[in-house]
Structures are given as C-alpha cells and as structure tokens.
Amino acid sequence: MQSIQEPGLSFLLVSPFVFMPSYSFELADIDKEELAIEDQVTVYTIVTIHSQANRSTMNLLAPIVLNPENRLGKQVILHQSGYEPRHLIWAEEEKTSVKGGV
C-alpha cells in the first residue's frame, strides 16, 4: 500500500488468512458504516520485515480493512482481542523447515 500524498510512504501488506487461517474478528458496526461495507470486504495486515526473514512479523492487532467497491479503507484496532501487533509470520515448525531449506 502506497500513499498518493507521500509517495515515499508505503507499507507491505499480506492477507493474514494465508499465514493464520483461524484469524477472525467482528468488525464494529461503526466501522462498517464508515467504510460503507455491504458485501465485500478485504483484510490485510502490515508486515515488518526483519533481516532474518523467519523473524518477520505481521500486525494482527490492527488490520487494514478495505472496501474494494468504494475504494475506502482504514486501520482498525481490535481492542481486547488477544492478538499481538508483532505476531511471527511463520510458526516454529515452519521456521525450522525454512532454515532447513536454505
């Protein structure tokens, strides 16, 4: 995602469901109204890349929620969700296989 006002400002986004299929949350009605969400919604998380790829994280606590139909989006903070802002992208067993494959 890249800012149209600040071209040097960009974020790497991923679908959290690729790395954590059980990821879920209830979007508040006020957020649904603000984004004019009726049917379609897309969810991404911001990724922080570390020099050691297996230590890269994604922010599950504050996903980016987009309405692709209206081109509206916002970052939503999931208060009291138990999710972390620095969730490791790869689980321990996946980290081992990544190291073993290099």
PDB file of N, CA and C in Angstrom:
ATOM      1  N   MET A   1       0.855  -1.154   0.000  1.00  0.00           N
ATOM      2  CA  MET A   1       0.000   0.000   0.000  1.00  0.00           C
ATOM      3  C   MET A   1       0.907   1.224   0.000  1.00  0.00           C
ATOM      4  N   GLN A   2       0.620   2.156  -0.897  1.00  0.00           N
ATOM      5  CA  GLN A   2       1.450   3.342  -1.019  1.00  0.00           C
ATOM      6  C   GLN A   2       0.577   4.586  -0.954  1.00  0.00           C
ATOM      7  N   SER A   3       1.051   5.571  -0.215  1.00  0.00           N
ATOM      8  CA  SER A   3       0.358   6.846  -0.093  1.00  0.00           C
ATOM      9  C   SER A   3       0.399   7.603  -1.416  1.00  0.00           C
ATOM     10  N   ILE A   4      -0.733   8.194  -1.804  1.00  0.00           N
ATOM     11  CA  ILE A   4      -0.731   9.018  -3.008  1.00  0.00           C
ATOM     12  C   ILE A   4      -0.290  10.446  -2.681  1.00  0.00           C
ATOM     13  N   GLN A   5      -0.359  10.809  -1.398  1.00  0.00           N
ATOM     14  CA  GLN A   5       0.083  12.143  -0.980  1.00  0.00           C
ATOM     15  C   GLN A   5       1.567  12.170  -0.651  1.00  0.00           C
ATOM     16  N   GLU A   6       2.090  11.088  -0.134  1.00  0.00           N
ATOM     17  CA  GLU A   6       3.508  10.946   0.224  1.00  0.00           C
ATOM     18  C   GLU A   6       4.060   9.714  -0.488  1.00  0.00           C
ATOM     19  N   PRO A   7       4.510   9.844  -1.723  1.00  0.00           N
ATOM     20  CA  PRO A   7       4.964   8.675  -2.494  1.00  0.00           C
ATOM     21  C   PRO A   7       6.044   7.834  -1.812  1.00  0.00           C
ATOM     22  N   GLY A   8       6.811   8.425  -0.917  1.00  0.00           N
ATOM     23  CA  GLY A   8       7.843   7.674  -0.214  1.00  0.00           C
ATOM     24  C   GLY A   8       7.311   6.851   0.938  1.00  0.00           C
ATOM     25  N   LEU A   9       6.030   6.991   1.246  1.00  0.00           N
ATOM     26  CA  LEU A   9       5.409   6.266   2.356  1.00  0.00           C
ATOM     27  C   LEU A   9       4.651   5.064   1.812  1.00  0.00           C
ATOM     28  N   SER A  10       5.108   3.885   2.174  1.00  0.00           N
ATOM     29  CA  SER A  10       4.426   2.668   1.726  1.00  0.00           C
ATOM     30  C   SER A  10       4.555   1.583   2.791  1.00  0.00           C
ATOM     31  N   PHE A  11       3.647   0.625   2.734  1.00  0.00           N
ATOM     32  CA  PHE A  11       3.612  -0.476   3.684  1.00  0.00           C
ATOM     33  C   PHE A  11       3.446  -1.782   2.919  1.00  0.00           C
ATOM     34  N   LEU A  12       4.134  -2.818   3.401  1.00  0.00           N
ATOM     35  CA  LEU A  12       3.974  -4.151   2.850  1.00  0.00           C
ATOM     36  C   LEU A  12       2.785  -4.796   3.546  1.00  0.00           C
ATOM     37  N   LEU A  13       1.805  -5.239   2.776  1.00  0.00           N
ATOM     38  CA  LEU A  13       0.602  -5.872   3.324  1.00  0.00           C
ATOM     39  C   LEU A  13       0.519  -7.325   2.873  1.00  0.00           C
ATOM     40  N   VAL A  14      -0.047  -8.158   3.750  1.00  0.00           N
ATOM     41  CA  VAL A  14      -0.328  -9.549   3.400  1.00  0.00           C
ATOM     42  C   VAL A  14      -1.716  -9.904   3.902  1.00  0.00           C
ATOM     43  N   SER A  15      -2.287 -10.911   3.299  1.00  0.00           N
ATOM     44  CA  SER A  15      -3.532 -11.453   3.823  1.00  0.00           C
ATOM     45  C   SER A  15      -3.186 -12.290   5.047  1.00  0.00           C
ATOM     46  N   PRO A  16      -3.727 -11.963   6.221  1.00  0.00           N
ATOM     47  CA  PRO A  16      -3.390 -12.738   7.413  1.00  0.00           C
ATOM     48  C   PRO A  16      -3.883 -14.182   7.341  1.00  0.00           C
ATOM     49  N   PHE A  17      -4.895 -14.432   6.523  1.00  0.00           N
ATOM     50  CA  PHE A  17      -5.501 -15.760   6.432  1.00  0.00           C
ATOM     51  C   PHE A  17      -4.579 -16.774   5.762  1.00  0.00           C
ATOM     52  N   VAL A  18      -3.621 -16.294   4.974  1.00  0.00           N
ATOM     53  CA  VAL A  18      -2.647 -17.175   4.343  1.00  0.00           C
ATOM     54  C   VAL A  18      -1.748 -17.798   5.404  1.00  0.00           C
ATOM     55  N   PHE A  19      -1.372 -16.995   6.390  1.00  0.00           N
ATOM     56  CA  PHE A  19      -0.438 -17.444   7.418  1.00  0.00           C
ATOM     57  C   PHE A  19      -1.132 -17.926   8.692  1.00  0.00           C
ATOM     58  N   MET A  20      -2.358 -17.470   8.912  1.00  0.00           N
ATOM     59  CA  MET A  20      -3.098 -17.857  10.105  1.00  0.00           C
ATOM     60  C   MET A  20      -4.580 -18.028   9.726  1.00  0.00           C
ATOM     61  N   PRO A  21      -4.946 -19.181   9.183  1.00  0.00           N
ATOM     62  CA  PRO A  21      -6.318 -19.401   8.709  1.00  0.00           C
ATOM     63  C   PRO A  21      -7.393 -19.195   9.777  1.00  0.00           C
ATOM     64  N   SER A  22      -7.044 -19.339  11.047  1.00  0.00           N
ATOM     65  CA  SER A  22      -8.035 -19.186  12.121  1.00  0.00           C
ATOM     66  C   SER A  22      -8.251 -17.727  12.539  1.00  0.00           C
ATOM     67  N   TYR A  23      -7.534 -16.796  11.920  1.00  0.00           N
ATOM     68  CA  TYR A  23      -7.660 -15.378  12.263  1.00  0.00           C
ATOM     69  C   TYR A  23      -9.088 -14.909  11.990  1.00  0.00           C
ATOM     70  N   SER A  24      -9.705 -14.300  12.987  1.00  0.00           N
ATOM     71  CA  SER A  24     -11.068 -13.790  12.804  1.00  0.00           C
ATOM     72  C   SER A  24     -11.338 -12.683  13.814  1.00  0.00           C
ATOM     73  N   PHE A  25     -12.267 -11.839  13.466  1.00  0.00           N
ATOM     74  CA  PHE A  25     -12.708 -10.768  14.356  1.00  0.00           C
ATOM     75  C   PHE A  25     -14.050 -10.242  13.860  1.00  0.00           C
ATOM     76  N   GLU A  26     -14.750  -9.577  14.740  1.00  0.00           N
ATOM     77  CA  GLU A  26     -16.033  -8.969  14.406  1.00  0.00           C
ATOM     78  C   GLU A  26     -15.792  -7.487  14.170  1.00  0.00           C
ATOM     79  N   LEU A  27     -16.124  -7.017  12.993  1.00  0.00           N
ATOM     80  CA  LEU A  27     -15.967  -5.606  12.665  1.00  0.00           C
ATOM     81  C   LEU A  27     -17.130  -4.830  13.273  1.00  0.00           C
ATOM     82  N   ALA A  28     -16.821  -3.781  14.019  1.00  0.00           N
ATOM     83  CA  ALA A  28     -17.849  -2.969  14.689  1.00  0.00           C
ATOM     84  C   ALA A  28     -18.760  -2.304  13.656  1.00  0.00           C
ATOM     85  N   ASP A  29     -20.010  -2.130  14.035  1.00  0.00           N
ATOM     86  CA  ASP A  29     -20.985  -1.507  13.140  1.00  0.00           C
ATOM     87  C   ASP A  29     -20.529  -0.129  12.674  1.00  0.00           C
ATOM     88  N   ILE A  30     -19.923   0.632  13.568  1.00  0.00           N
ATOM     89  CA  ILE A  30     -19.472   1.981  13.196  1.00  0.00           C
ATOM     90  C   ILE A  30     -18.411   1.928  12.097  1.00  0.00           C
ATOM     91  N   ASP A  31     -17.546   0.913  12.152  1.00  0.00           N
ATOM     92  CA  ASP A  31     -16.535   0.745  11.106  1.00  0.00           C
ATOM     93  C   ASP A  31     -17.188   0.322   9.796  1.00  0.00           C
ATOM     94  N   LYS A  32     -18.178  -0.557   9.874  1.00  0.00           N
ATOM     95  CA  LYS A  32     -18.902  -0.981   8.675  1.00  0.00           C
ATOM     96  C   LYS A  32     -19.584   0.212   8.014  1.00  0.00           C
ATOM     97  N   GLU A  33     -20.188   1.074   8.829  1.00  0.00           N
ATOM     98  CA  GLU A  33     -20.860   2.266   8.299  1.00  0.00           C
ATOM     99  C   GLU A  33     -19.857   3.221   7.669  1.00  0.00           C
ATOM    100  N   GLU A  34     -18.757   3.463   8.374  1.00  0.00           N
ATOM    101  CA  GLU A  34     -17.749   4.394   7.878  1.00  0.00           C
ATOM    102  C   GLU A  34     -17.159   3.944   6.551  1.00  0.00           C
ATOM    103  N   LEU A  35     -16.991   2.644   6.381  1.00  0.00           N
ATOM    104  CA  LEU A  35     -16.426   2.092   5.152  1.00  0.00           C
ATOM    105  C   LEU A  35     -17.499   1.733   4.128  1.00  0.00           C
ATOM    106  N   ALA A  36     -18.767   1.939   4.483  1.00  0.00           N
ATOM    107  CA  ALA A  36     -19.895   1.614   3.601  1.00  0.00           C
ATOM    108  C   ALA A  36     -19.838   0.162   3.141  1.00  0.00           C
ATOM    109  N   ILE A  37     -19.543  -0.732   4.082  1.00  0.00           N
ATOM    110  CA  ILE A  37     -19.433  -2.152   3.754  1.00  0.00           C
ATOM    111  C   ILE A  37     -20.818  -2.787   3.724  1.00  0.00           C
ATOM    112  N   GLU A  38     -21.112  -3.404   2.589  1.00  0.00           N
ATOM    113  CA  GLU A  38     -22.363  -4.148   2.454  1.00  0.00           C
ATOM    114  C   GLU A  38     -22.059  -5.630   2.254  1.00  0.00           C
ATOM    115  N   ASP A  39     -21.297  -5.939   1.232  1.00  0.00           N
ATOM    116  CA  ASP A  39     -20.978  -7.333   0.936  1.00  0.00           C
ATOM    117  C   ASP A  39     -19.480  -7.602   0.955  1.00  0.00           C
ATOM    118  N   GLN A  40     -18.755  -6.830   0.189  1.00  0.00           N
ATOM    119  CA  GLN A  40     -17.339  -7.129   0.005  1.00  0.00           C
ATOM    120  C   GLN A  40     -16.471  -6.401   1.016  1.00  0.00           C
ATOM    121  N   VAL A  41     -15.516  -7.142   1.548  1.00  0.00           N
ATOM    122  CA  VAL A  41     -14.523  -6.574   2.454  1.00  0.00           C
ATOM    123  C   VAL A  41     -13.230  -7.361   2.264  1.00  0.00           C
ATOM    124  N   THR A  42     -12.119  -6.657   2.336  1.00  0.00           N
ATOM    125  CA  THR A  42     -10.811  -7.281   2.216  1.00  0.00           C
ATOM    126  C   THR A  42     -10.005  -6.901   3.445  1.00  0.00           C
ATOM    127  N   VAL A  43      -9.272  -7.862   3.989  1.00  0.00           N
ATOM    128  CA  VAL A  43      -8.488  -7.622   5.201  1.00  0.00           C
ATOM    129  C   VAL A  43      -7.023  -7.927   4.919  1.00  0.00           C
ATOM    130  N   TYR A  44      -6.172  -7.005   5.344  1.00  0.00           N
ATOM    131  CA  TYR A  44      -4.722  -7.179   5.234  1.00  0.00           C
ATOM    132  C   TYR A  44      -4.083  -6.828   6.565  1.00  0.00           C
ATOM    133  N   THR A  45      -2.853  -7.257   6.737  1.00  0.00           N
ATOM    134  CA  THR A  45      -2.078  -6.854   7.907  1.00  0.00           C
ATOM    135  C   THR A  45      -0.753  -6.274   7.425  1.00  0.00           C
ATOM    136  N   ILE A  46      -0.235  -5.331   8.211  1.00  0.00           N
ATOM    137  CA  ILE A  46       1.045  -4.715   7.891  1.00  0.00           C
ATOM    138  C   ILE A  46       2.157  -5.651   8.347  1.00  0.00           C
ATOM    139  N   VAL A  47       3.146  -5.823   7.480  1.00  0.00           N
ATOM    140  CA  VAL A  47       4.273  -6.711   7.751  1.00  0.00           C
ATOM    141  C   VAL A  47       5.508  -5.884   8.080  1.00  0.00           C
ATOM    142  N   THR A  48       6.248  -6.363   9.066  1.00  0.00           N
ATOM    143  CA  THR A  48       7.568  -5.807   9.362  1.00  0.00           C
ATOM    144  C   THR A  48       8.585  -6.869   8.980  1.00  0.00           C
ATOM    145  N   ILE A  49       9.408  -6.540   7.998  1.00  0.00           N
ATOM    146  CA  ILE A  49      10.431  -7.470   7.524  1.00  0.00           C
ATOM    147  C   ILE A  49      11.688  -7.286   8.372  1.00  0.00           C
ATOM    148  N   HIS A  50      12.203  -8.384   8.878  1.00  0.00           N
ATOM    149  CA  HIS A  50      13.444  -8.368   9.648  1.00  0.00           C
ATOM    150  C   HIS A  50      14.580  -8.912   8.787  1.00  0.00           C
ATOM    151  N   SER A  51      15.814  -8.611   9.187  1.00  0.00           N
ATOM    152  CA  SER A  51      16.966  -9.094   8.414  1.00  0.00           C
ATOM    153  C   SER A  51      16.983 -10.615   8.332  1.00  0.00           C
ATOM    154  N   GLN A  52      16.510 -11.281   9.380  1.00  0.00           N
ATOM    155  CA  GLN A  52      16.315 -12.733   9.335  1.00  0.00           C
ATOM    156  C   GLN A  52      14.842 -12.948   8.996  1.00  0.00           C
ATOM    157  N   ALA A  53      14.572 -13.388   7.792  1.00  0.00           N
ATOM    158  CA  ALA A  53      13.198 -13.486   7.297  1.00  0.00           C
ATOM    159  C   ALA A  53      12.270 -14.246   8.235  1.00  0.00           C
ATOM    160  N   ASN A  54      12.789 -15.263   8.921  1.00  0.00           N
ATOM    161  CA  ASN A  54      11.937 -16.066   9.795  1.00  0.00           C
ATOM    162  C   ASN A  54      11.532 -15.321  11.069  1.00  0.00           C
ATOM    163  N   ARG A  55      12.034 -14.104  11.265  1.00  0.00           N
ATOM    164  CA  ARG A  55      11.646 -13.286  12.410  1.00  0.00           C
ATOM    165  C   ARG A  55      10.700 -12.155  11.991  1.00  0.00           C
ATOM    166  N   SER A  56      10.258 -12.160  10.738  1.00  0.00           N
ATOM    167  CA  SER A  56       9.320 -11.149  10.251  1.00  0.00           C
ATOM    168  C   SER A  56       7.979 -11.305  10.948  1.00  0.00           C
ATOM    169  N   THR A  57       7.297 -10.176  11.151  1.00  0.00           N
ATOM    170  CA  THR A  57       6.037 -10.192  11.893  1.00  0.00           C
ATOM    171  C   THR A  57       4.931  -9.496  11.110  1.00  0.00           C
ATOM    172  N   MET A  58       3.697  -9.777  11.533  1.00  0.00           N
ATOM    173  CA  MET A  58       2.532  -9.068  10.991  1.00  0.00           C
ATOM    174  C   MET A  58       1.703  -8.562  12.158  1.00  0.00           C
ATOM    175  N   ASN A  59       1.027  -7.457  11.939  1.00  0.00           N
ATOM    176  CA  ASN A  59       0.247  -6.810  12.981  1.00  0.00           C
ATOM    177  C   ASN A  59      -1.191  -7.317  12.951  1.00  0.00           C
ATOM    178  N   LEU A  60      -1.475  -8.327  13.765  1.00  0.00           N
ATOM    179  CA  LEU A  60      -2.828  -8.881  13.831  1.00  0.00           C
ATOM    180  C   LEU A  60      -3.755  -8.041  14.696  1.00  0.00           C
ATOM    181  N   LEU A  61      -3.180  -7.198  15.543  1.00  0.00           N
ATOM    182  CA  LEU A  61      -3.976  -6.366  16.446  1.00  0.00           C
ATOM    183  C   LEU A  61      -4.662  -5.223  15.710  1.00  0.00           C
ATOM    184  N   ALA A  62      -4.065  -4.767  14.617  1.00  0.00           N
ATOM    185  CA  ALA A  62      -4.610  -3.609  13.902  1.00  0.00           C
ATOM    186  C   ALA A  62      -4.614  -3.864  12.392  1.00  0.00           C
ATOM    187  N   PRO A  63      -5.566  -4.679  11.919  1.00  0.00           N
ATOM    188  CA  PRO A  63      -5.616  -4.976  10.488  1.00  0.00           C
ATOM    189  C   PRO A  63      -6.077  -3.771   9.667  1.00  0.00           C
ATOM    190  N   ILE A  64      -5.750  -3.816   8.385  1.00  0.00           N
ATOM    191  CA  ILE A  64      -6.239  -2.841   7.419  1.00  0.00           C
ATOM    192  C   ILE A  64      -7.486  -3.453   6.787  1.00  0.00           C
ATOM    193  N   VAL A  65      -8.616  -2.770   6.927  1.00  0.00           N
ATOM    194  CA  VAL A  65      -9.882  -3.267   6.392  1.00  0.00           C
ATOM    195  C   VAL A  65     -10.256  -2.377   5.206  1.00  0.00           C
ATOM    196  N   LEU A  66     -10.493  -3.015   4.064  1.00  0.00           N
ATOM    197  CA  LEU A  66     -10.786  -2.278   2.838  1.00  0.00           C
ATOM    198  C   LEU A  66     -12.140  -2.657   2.260  1.00  0.00           C
ATOM    199  N   ASN A  67     -12.806  -1.662   1.705  1.00  0.00           N
ATOM    200  CA  ASN A  67     -13.998  -1.882   0.903  1.00  0.00           C
ATOM    201  C   ASN A  67     -13.556  -1.668  -0.545  1.00  0.00           C
ATOM    202  N   PRO A  68     -13.306  -2.758  -1.286  1.00  0.00           N
ATOM    203  CA  PRO A  68     -12.779  -2.611  -2.645  1.00  0.00           C
ATOM    204  C   PRO A  68     -13.765  -1.963  -3.614  1.00  0.00           C
ATOM    205  N   GLU A  69     -15.058  -2.066  -3.331  1.00  0.00           N
ATOM    206  CA  GLU A  69     -16.064  -1.478  -4.222  1.00  0.00           C
ATOM    207  C   GLU A  69     -16.000   0.048  -4.190  1.00  0.00           C
ATOM    208  N   ASN A  70     -15.849   0.611  -2.981  1.00  0.00           N
ATOM    209  CA  ASN A  70     -15.855   2.067  -2.816  1.00  0.00           C
ATOM    210  C   ASN A  70     -14.462   2.661  -2.675  1.00  0.00           C
ATOM    211  N   ARG A  71     -13.437   1.777  -2.679  1.00  0.00           N
ATOM    212  CA  ARG A  71     -12.048   2.216  -2.507  1.00  0.00           C
ATOM    213  C   ARG A  71     -11.871   2.987  -1.202  1.00  0.00           C
ATOM    214  N   LEU A  72     -12.487   2.459  -0.147  1.00  0.00           N
ATOM    215  CA  LEU A  72     -12.348   3.022   1.189  1.00  0.00           C
ATOM    216  C   LEU A  72     -11.632   2.022   2.069  1.00  0.00           C
ATOM    217  N   GLY A  73     -10.870   2.529   3.031  1.00  0.00           N
ATOM    218  CA  GLY A  73     -10.179   1.630   3.935  1.00  0.00           C
ATOM    219  C   GLY A  73      -9.740   2.346   5.187  1.00  0.00           C
ATOM    220  N   LYS A  74      -9.443   1.563   6.205  1.00  0.00           N
ATOM    221  CA  LYS A  74      -8.930   2.122   7.450  1.00  0.00           C
ATOM    222  C   LYS A  74      -8.255   1.029   8.258  1.00  0.00           C
ATOM    223  N   GLN A  75      -7.398   1.453   9.145  1.00  0.00           N
ATOM    224  CA  GLN A  75      -6.781   0.523  10.072  1.00  0.00           C
ATOM    225  C   GLN A  75      -7.681   0.465  11.301  1.00  0.00           C
ATOM    226  N   VAL A  76      -8.023  -0.749  11.698  1.00  0.00           N
ATOM    227  CA  VAL A  76      -8.942  -0.965  12.825  1.00  0.00           C
ATOM    228  C   VAL A  76      -8.165  -1.606  13.968  1.00  0.00           C
ATOM    229  N   ILE A  77      -8.287  -1.044  15.146  1.00  0.00           N
ATOM    230  CA  ILE A  77      -7.630  -1.632  16.315  1.00  0.00           C
ATOM    231  C   ILE A  77      -8.623  -2.567  17.002  1.00  0.00           C
ATOM    232  N   LEU A  78      -8.224  -3.807  17.201  1.00  0.00           N
ATOM    233  CA  LEU A  78      -9.086  -4.830  17.790  1.00  0.00           C
ATOM    234  C   LEU A  78      -8.852  -4.882  19.302  1.00  0.00           C
ATOM    235  N   HIS A  79      -9.468  -3.963  20.004  1.00  0.00           N
ATOM    236  CA  HIS A  79      -9.329  -3.905  21.456  1.00  0.00           C
ATOM    237  C   HIS A  79      -9.800  -5.220  22.087  1.00  0.00           C
ATOM    238  N   GLN A  80      -9.104  -5.670  23.076  1.00  0.00           N
ATOM    239  CA  GLN A  80      -9.452  -6.866  23.853  1.00  0.00           C
ATOM    240  C   GLN A  80      -9.587  -8.118  22.976  1.00  0.00           C
ATOM    241  N   SER A  81      -8.783  -8.207  21.930  1.00  0.00           N
ATOM    242  CA  SER A  81      -8.889  -9.363  21.042  1.00  0.00           C
ATOM    243  C   SER A  81      -7.905 -10.469  21.402  1.00  0.00           C
ATOM    244  N   GLY A  82      -6.821 -10.111  22.077  1.00  0.00           N
ATOM    245  CA  GLY A  82      -5.793 -11.097  22.362  1.00  0.00           C
ATOM    246  C   GLY A  82      -4.752 -11.208  21.263  1.00  0.00           C
ATOM    247  N   TYR A  83      -4.973 -10.533  20.128  1.00  0.00           N
ATOM    248  CA  TYR A  83      -3.990 -10.547  19.048  1.00  0.00           C
ATOM    249  C   TYR A  83      -2.843  -9.602  19.385  1.00  0.00           C
ATOM    250  N   GLU A  84      -1.699  -9.850  18.746  1.00  0.00           N
ATOM    251  CA  GLU A  84      -0.496  -9.081  19.011  1.00  0.00           C
ATOM    252  C   GLU A  84      -0.117  -8.218  17.810  1.00  0.00           C
ATOM    253  N   PRO A  85       0.547  -7.084  18.060  1.00  0.00           N
ATOM    254  CA  PRO A  85       0.997  -6.260  16.939  1.00  0.00           C
ATOM    255  C   PRO A  85       2.240  -6.831  16.255  1.00  0.00           C
ATOM    256  N   ARG A  86       2.916  -7.772  16.910  1.00  0.00           N
ATOM    257  CA  ARG A  86       4.126  -8.385  16.330  1.00  0.00           C
ATOM    258  C   ARG A  86       4.007  -9.902  16.357  1.00  0.00           C
ATOM    259  N   HIS A  87       3.080 -10.411  15.595  1.00  0.00           N
ATOM    260  CA  HIS A  87       2.860 -11.859  15.515  1.00  0.00           C
ATOM    261  C   HIS A  87       3.814 -12.432  14.463  1.00  0.00           C
ATOM    262  N   LEU A  88       4.618 -13.420  14.869  1.00  0.00           N
ATOM    263  CA  LEU A  88       5.532 -14.049  13.910  1.00  0.00           C
ATOM    264  C   LEU A  88       4.744 -14.640  12.746  1.00  0.00           C
ATOM    265  N   ILE A  89       5.210 -14.359  11.544  1.00  0.00           N
ATOM    266  CA  ILE A  89       4.516 -14.852  10.355  1.00  0.00           C
ATOM    267  C   ILE A  89       4.615 -16.369  10.250  1.00  0.00           C
ATOM    268  N   TRP A  90       5.800 -16.902  10.529  1.00  0.00           N
ATOM    269  CA  TRP A  90       5.996 -18.344  10.428  1.00  0.00           C
ATOM    270  C   TRP A  90       6.011 -18.966  11.810  1.00  0.00           C
ATOM    271  N   ALA A  91       5.264 -20.053  11.957  1.00  0.00           N
ATOM    272  CA  ALA A  91       5.243 -20.795  13.215  1.00  0.00           C
ATOM    273  C   ALA A  91       6.584 -21.496  13.405  1.00  0.00           C
ATOM    274  N   GLU A  92       6.842 -21.954  14.629  1.00  0.00           N
ATOM    275  CA  GLU A  92       8.127 -22.607  14.938  1.00  0.00           C
ATOM    276  C   GLU A  92       8.460 -23.731  13.965  1.00  0.00           C
ATOM    277  N   GLU A  93       7.501 -24.610  13.685  1.00  0.00           N
ATOM    278  CA  GLU A  93       7.787 -25.735  12.784  1.00  0.00           C
ATOM    279  C   GLU A  93       8.050 -25.256  11.364  1.00  0.00           C
ATOM    280  N   GLU A  94       7.427 -24.151  10.962  1.00  0.00           N
ATOM    281  CA  GLU A  94       7.685 -23.611   9.633  1.00  0.00           C
ATOM    282  C   GLU A  94       9.051 -22.959   9.582  1.00  0.00           C
ATOM    283  N   LYS A  95       9.464 -22.319  10.695  1.00  0.00           N
ATOM    284  CA  LYS A  95      10.782 -21.687  10.741  1.00  0.00           C
ATOM    285  C   LYS A  95      11.878 -22.741  10.543  1.00  0.00           C
ATOM    286  N   THR A  96      11.678 -23.903  11.150  1.00  0.00           N
ATOM    287  CA  THR A  96      12.653 -24.982  11.033  1.00  0.00           C
ATOM    288  C   THR A  96      12.765 -25.425   9.583  1.00  0.00           C
ATOM    289  N   SER A  97      11.636 -25.571   8.903  1.00  0.00           N
ATOM    290  CA  SER A  97      11.677 -26.020   7.515  1.00  0.00           C
ATOM    291  C   SER A  97      12.250 -24.940   6.613  1.00  0.00           C
ATOM    292  N   VAL A  98      12.030 -23.669   6.945  1.00  0.00           N
ATOM    293  CA  VAL A  98      12.625 -22.586   6.159  1.00  0.00           C
ATOM    294  C   VAL A  98      14.127 -22.607   6.299  1.00  0.00           C
ATOM    295  N   LYS A  99      14.622 -22.777   7.543  1.00  0.00           N
ATOM    296  CA  LYS A  99      16.064 -22.848   7.756  1.00  0.00           C
ATOM    297  C   LYS A  99      16.651 -24.059   7.064  1.00  0.00           C
ATOM    298  N   GLY A 100      15.943 -25.197   7.137  1.00  0.00           N
ATOM    299  CA  GLY A 100      16.443 -26.423   6.553  1.00  0.00           C
ATOM    300  C   GLY A 100      16.489 -26.374   5.031  1.00  0.00           C
ATOM    301  N   GLY A 101      15.600 -25.533   4.446  1.00  0.00           N
ATOM    302  CA  GLY A 101      15.546 -25.447   3.001  1.00  0.00           C
ATOM    303  C   GLY A 101      16.567 -24.501   2.410  1.00  0.00           C
ATOM    304  N   VAL A 102      17.265 -23.751   3.251  1.00  0.00           N
ATOM    305  CA  VAL A 102      18.228 -22.771   2.732  1.00  0.00           C
ATOM    306  C   VAL A 102      19.598 -23.376   2.604  1.00  0.00           C
TER     307      VAL A 102
END
